[in-house]
Amino acid sequence: MSQVQEKAVGGALFGIGFFVFTYYSIWTLLVPFIDKDHFLRSLFPSQWYAIAIPVFLLVVGCAGIFGFISMVMIKSNKKDTSKKSS
């Protein structure tokens, strides 16, 4: 990948991250103080999702990490037992 492509990918990822951070910050910090009938409320999902989505991502991420660690430990144990039996 050329340096120009790397800069483009990096810029795109930065832009997406900045948008997600700004959207989530507004959603969690400002929307609860906006009247329920204001049109800005229609741009954001329910506040329940502001907690549920990060919790779900945290649980999935932790499960993935612990699953990876357990696979490495199982493979390491199989290598150790095969070396001892030879």
Protein backbone atom coordinates (compact mmCIF):
# COMPACT_ATOMS: atom_id res chain seq x y z
CA MET A 1 0.00 0.00 0.00
CA SER A 2 1.40 3.37 -0.93
CA GLN A 3 1.84 6.24 1.46
CA VAL A 4 -1.01 8.19 -0.16
CA GLN A 5 -3.39 5.26 0.31
CA GLU A 6 -2.30 4.85 3.93
CA LYS A 7 -2.96 8.53 4.59
CA ALA A 8 -6.39 8.26 2.93
CA VAL A 9 -7.33 5.19 5.00
CA GLY A 10 -6.02 6.85 8.17
CA GLY A 11 -7.95 10.03 7.43
CA ALA A 12 -11.14 8.09 6.74
CA LEU A 13 -10.79 6.09 9.98
CA PHE A 14 -10.10 9.28 11.92
CA GLY A 15 -13.16 10.95 10.40
CA ILE A 16 -15.40 7.98 11.19
CA GLY A 17 -14.08 7.81 14.75
CA PHE A 18 -14.57 11.54 15.25
CA PHE A 19 -18.15 11.34 13.95
CA VAL A 20 -19.02 8.36 16.17
CA PHE A 21 -17.48 10.02 19.24
CA THR A 22 -19.31 13.31 18.60
CA TYR A 23 -22.65 11.60 17.86
CA TYR A 24 -22.44 9.39 20.96
CA SER A 25 -21.37 12.32 23.17
CA ILE A 26 -24.31 14.44 22.01
CA TRP A 27 -26.65 11.45 22.35
CA THR A 28 -25.65 10.70 25.93
CA LEU A 29 -24.84 14.15 27.31
CA LEU A 30 -27.19 16.60 25.59
CA VAL A 31 -30.27 14.72 24.38
CA PRO A 32 -31.61 13.95 27.88
CA PHE A 33 -31.98 17.70 28.44
CA ILE A 34 -33.91 18.34 25.19
CA ASP A 35 -37.72 18.42 25.31
CA LYS A 36 -39.39 15.17 24.29
CA ASP A 37 -41.31 16.80 21.42
CA HIS A 38 -38.30 18.59 19.90
CA PHE A 39 -37.31 17.52 16.36
CA LEU A 40 -33.71 16.74 17.43
CA ARG A 41 -35.00 13.78 19.43
CA SER A 42 -35.95 12.08 16.16
CA LEU A 43 -32.26 12.00 15.11
CA PHE A 44 -31.28 9.78 18.04
CA PRO A 45 -32.48 6.35 19.21
CA SER A 46 -33.84 5.71 22.68
CA GLN A 47 -31.52 6.38 25.63
CA TRP A 48 -31.71 2.68 26.51
CA TYR A 49 -29.55 1.91 23.47
CA ALA A 50 -26.90 4.40 24.65
CA ILE A 51 -26.15 1.96 27.48
CA ALA A 52 -27.08 -1.34 25.81
CA ILE A 53 -24.81 -0.99 22.76
CA PRO A 54 -21.55 -0.32 24.68
CA VAL A 55 -22.38 -3.07 27.20
CA PHE A 56 -23.01 -5.53 24.36
CA LEU A 57 -19.74 -4.55 22.65
CA LEU A 58 -17.87 -4.91 25.95
CA VAL A 59 -19.29 -8.40 26.58
CA VAL A 60 -18.54 -9.53 23.02
CA GLY A 61 -15.03 -8.06 23.19
CA CYS A 62 -14.25 -9.71 26.54
CA ALA A 63 -15.63 -13.03 25.30
CA GLY A 64 -13.42 -12.77 22.21
CA ILE A 65 -10.33 -11.98 24.27
CA PHE A 66 -10.94 -14.79 26.75
CA GLY A 67 -11.77 -17.19 23.91
CA PHE A 68 -8.50 -16.33 22.18
CA ILE A 69 -6.52 -16.76 25.40
CA SER A 70 -8.16 -20.13 26.07
CA MET A 71 -7.39 -21.34 22.52
CA VAL A 72 -3.73 -20.36 22.94
CA MET A 73 -3.56 -22.13 26.29
CA ILE A 74 -5.15 -25.30 24.87
CA LYS A 75 -2.77 -25.36 21.89
CA SER A 76 0.19 -24.72 24.17
CA ASN A 77 -0.89 -27.58 26.43
CA LYS A 78 -1.22 -29.94 23.44
CA LYS A 79 2.33 -29.06 22.32
CA ASP A 80 3.68 -29.67 25.82
CA THR A 81 1.97 -33.08 26.10
CA SER A 82 3.17 -34.17 22.64
CA LYS A 83 6.77 -33.23 23.53
CA LYS A 84 6.58 -35.16 26.83
CA SER A 85 5.18 -38.31 25.19
CA SER A 86 7.94 -38.44 22.54
